[in-house]
N, C-alpha and C. Protein backbone atom coordinates (compact mmCIF):
# COMPACT_ATOMS: atom_id res chain seq x y z
N MET A 1 63.27 14.57 -48.75
CA MET A 1 63.81 15.01 -50.04
C MET A 1 63.09 14.29 -51.17
N ALA A 2 62.73 15.04 -52.17
CA ALA A 2 61.98 14.48 -53.30
C ALA A 2 62.88 13.58 -54.15
N ASN A 3 62.28 12.52 -54.68
CA ASN A 3 63.02 11.63 -55.57
C ASN A 3 62.63 11.93 -57.02
N ASN A 4 62.34 13.22 -57.26
CA ASN A 4 61.97 13.64 -58.60
C ASN A 4 62.29 15.13 -58.78
N ALA A 5 62.22 15.58 -60.02
CA ALA A 5 62.49 16.98 -60.35
C ALA A 5 61.20 17.70 -60.74
N LEU A 6 60.08 17.19 -60.29
CA LEU A 6 58.80 17.72 -60.73
C LEU A 6 58.64 19.21 -60.39
N ARG A 7 58.93 19.58 -59.18
CA ARG A 7 58.75 20.98 -58.79
C ARG A 7 59.62 21.91 -59.63
N GLU A 8 60.89 21.56 -59.80
CA GLU A 8 61.81 22.40 -60.56
C GLU A 8 61.35 22.54 -62.02
N ILE A 9 60.93 21.44 -62.61
CA ILE A 9 60.48 21.48 -64.01
C ILE A 9 59.18 22.27 -64.12
N ARG A 10 58.25 22.04 -63.21
CA ARG A 10 56.97 22.76 -63.23
C ARG A 10 57.21 24.26 -63.11
N GLU A 11 58.06 24.65 -62.18
CA GLU A 11 58.34 26.07 -61.98
C GLU A 11 59.10 26.67 -63.16
N SER A 12 59.98 25.91 -63.79
CA SER A 12 60.71 26.42 -64.95
C SER A 12 59.77 26.68 -66.13
N LEU A 13 58.65 25.96 -66.16
CA LEU A 13 57.64 26.16 -67.19
C LEU A 13 56.61 27.22 -66.78
N LEU A 14 56.85 27.88 -65.63
CA LEU A 14 55.95 28.89 -65.08
C LEU A 14 54.52 28.37 -64.94
N MET A 15 54.43 27.15 -64.44
CA MET A 15 53.14 26.48 -64.29
C MET A 15 52.84 26.30 -62.80
N SER A 16 51.62 26.63 -62.41
CA SER A 16 51.24 26.43 -61.01
C SER A 16 50.87 24.96 -60.78
N LYS A 17 50.79 24.60 -59.51
CA LYS A 17 50.36 23.24 -59.18
C LYS A 17 48.96 22.99 -59.71
N ALA A 18 48.10 23.99 -59.58
CA ALA A 18 46.72 23.85 -60.05
C ALA A 18 46.66 23.65 -61.56
N GLU A 19 47.49 24.39 -62.30
CA GLU A 19 47.51 24.24 -63.76
C GLU A 19 47.96 22.84 -64.15
N LEU A 20 49.03 22.38 -63.52
CA LEU A 20 49.53 21.04 -63.83
C LEU A 20 48.48 19.99 -63.48
N ALA A 21 47.88 20.14 -62.33
CA ALA A 21 46.86 19.19 -61.90
C ALA A 21 45.71 19.15 -62.91
N HIS A 22 45.28 20.30 -63.37
CA HIS A 22 44.19 20.36 -64.34
C HIS A 22 44.58 19.68 -65.65
N LYS A 23 45.76 19.99 -66.16
CA LYS A 23 46.22 19.38 -67.41
C LYS A 23 46.40 17.88 -67.29
N ALA A 24 46.87 17.43 -66.13
CA ALA A 24 47.13 16.00 -65.92
C ALA A 24 45.90 15.25 -65.43
N GLU A 25 44.83 15.98 -65.15
CA GLU A 25 43.60 15.38 -64.64
C GLU A 25 43.83 14.63 -63.32
N VAL A 26 44.57 15.27 -62.44
CA VAL A 26 44.78 14.76 -61.08
C VAL A 26 44.49 15.93 -60.13
N SER A 27 44.45 15.67 -58.85
CA SER A 27 44.17 16.75 -57.90
C SER A 27 45.45 17.53 -57.58
N PRO A 28 45.31 18.81 -57.20
CA PRO A 28 46.48 19.59 -56.78
C PRO A 28 47.17 18.95 -55.57
N ILE A 29 46.41 18.29 -54.72
CA ILE A 29 47.00 17.60 -53.56
C ILE A 29 47.93 16.49 -54.04
N THR A 30 47.54 15.79 -55.09
CA THR A 30 48.39 14.74 -55.65
C THR A 30 49.70 15.32 -56.14
N VAL A 31 49.63 16.46 -56.84
CA VAL A 31 50.85 17.11 -57.33
C VAL A 31 51.75 17.47 -56.15
N SER A 32 51.18 18.04 -55.11
CA SER A 32 51.96 18.40 -53.92
C SER A 32 52.63 17.19 -53.29
N ARG A 33 51.88 16.11 -53.18
CA ARG A 33 52.43 14.89 -52.58
C ARG A 33 53.60 14.34 -53.40
N ILE A 34 53.45 14.34 -54.71
CA ILE A 34 54.52 13.82 -55.58
C ILE A 34 55.74 14.72 -55.47
N GLU A 35 55.54 16.02 -55.44
CA GLU A 35 56.68 16.94 -55.31
C GLU A 35 57.42 16.74 -54.00
N LYS A 36 56.74 16.27 -52.98
CA LYS A 36 57.38 15.98 -51.70
C LYS A 36 58.08 14.63 -51.69
N GLY A 37 57.93 13.88 -52.77
CA GLY A 37 58.61 12.60 -52.87
C GLY A 37 57.78 11.40 -52.45
N LEU A 38 56.50 11.60 -52.21
CA LEU A 38 55.65 10.47 -51.85
C LEU A 38 55.35 9.63 -53.09
N PRO A 39 55.10 8.36 -52.92
CA PRO A 39 54.88 7.49 -54.09
C PRO A 39 53.55 7.79 -54.78
N CYS A 40 53.51 7.44 -56.05
CA CYS A 40 52.26 7.57 -56.81
C CYS A 40 52.20 6.45 -57.83
N ARG A 41 51.02 6.28 -58.41
CA ARG A 41 50.83 5.21 -59.39
C ARG A 41 51.55 5.55 -60.69
N LEU A 42 51.88 4.53 -61.44
CA LEU A 42 52.53 4.70 -62.73
C LEU A 42 51.65 5.51 -63.68
N GLU A 43 50.36 5.28 -63.65
CA GLU A 43 49.42 6.03 -64.50
C GLU A 43 49.46 7.51 -64.18
N THR A 44 49.59 7.86 -62.91
CA THR A 44 49.68 9.26 -62.51
C THR A 44 50.96 9.89 -63.04
N LYS A 45 52.06 9.15 -62.96
CA LYS A 45 53.32 9.65 -63.52
C LYS A 45 53.18 9.90 -65.02
N ARG A 46 52.52 8.98 -65.71
CA ARG A 46 52.33 9.11 -67.15
C ARG A 46 51.54 10.38 -67.46
N LYS A 47 50.48 10.63 -66.73
CA LYS A 47 49.66 11.82 -66.95
C LYS A 47 50.47 13.09 -66.73
N ILE A 48 51.30 13.10 -65.69
CA ILE A 48 52.09 14.28 -65.37
C ILE A 48 53.16 14.53 -66.44
N ILE A 49 53.82 13.48 -66.86
CA ILE A 49 54.85 13.61 -67.91
C ILE A 49 54.24 14.24 -69.16
N LEU A 50 53.11 13.73 -69.59
CA LEU A 50 52.45 14.25 -70.79
C LEU A 50 51.93 15.67 -70.58
N ALA A 51 51.42 15.98 -69.40
CA ALA A 51 50.90 17.31 -69.11
C ALA A 51 52.01 18.36 -69.12
N LEU A 52 53.22 17.94 -68.79
CA LEU A 52 54.36 18.86 -68.82
C LEU A 52 54.90 19.08 -70.24
N GLY A 53 54.40 18.29 -71.18
CA GLY A 53 54.85 18.42 -72.56
C GLY A 53 56.03 17.53 -72.91
N PHE A 54 56.33 16.58 -72.06
CA PHE A 54 57.43 15.65 -72.31
C PHE A 54 56.90 14.38 -72.98
N ASP A 55 57.81 13.63 -73.58
CA ASP A 55 57.47 12.30 -74.10
C ASP A 55 57.64 11.31 -72.97
N LEU A 56 56.95 10.18 -73.06
CA LEU A 56 57.06 9.16 -72.01
C LEU A 56 58.49 8.66 -71.85
N GLY A 57 59.27 8.70 -72.91
CA GLY A 57 60.67 8.29 -72.84
C GLY A 57 61.53 9.22 -71.99
N ASP A 58 61.00 10.39 -71.65
CA ASP A 58 61.74 11.36 -70.83
C ASP A 58 61.47 11.18 -69.34
N LYS A 59 60.88 10.05 -68.97
CA LYS A 59 60.51 9.81 -67.57
C LYS A 59 61.66 10.03 -66.61
N LYS A 60 62.86 9.61 -66.98
CA LYS A 60 64.01 9.72 -66.09
C LYS A 60 64.43 11.16 -65.84
N LYS A 61 64.00 12.10 -66.69
CA LYS A 61 64.31 13.51 -66.47
C LYS A 61 63.48 14.10 -65.34
N ILE A 62 62.34 13.46 -65.07
CA ILE A 62 61.42 13.98 -64.06
C ILE A 62 61.43 13.10 -62.81
N PHE A 63 61.29 11.80 -63.01
CA PHE A 63 61.22 10.85 -61.89
C PHE A 63 62.49 10.01 -61.87
N PHE A 64 63.17 10.02 -60.71
CA PHE A 64 64.46 9.37 -60.60
C PHE A 64 64.39 7.94 -60.09
N ASP A 65 63.21 7.45 -59.74
CA ASP A 65 63.11 6.10 -59.17
C ASP A 65 63.00 5.04 -60.24
């Protein structure tokens, strides 16, 4: 079970994994791994938050850890 809402938020924005990966400058495999709940670096989380159009202060809306 994922410890984040990344997939739900990404899909609500009608964004594919590839689109998010491109905007965040990470690989689509990284996006898939994070959506499955695997750990990632803080810098990667920061890139994803910003790529989704959120402020860094909204981290808890996406990542629950």
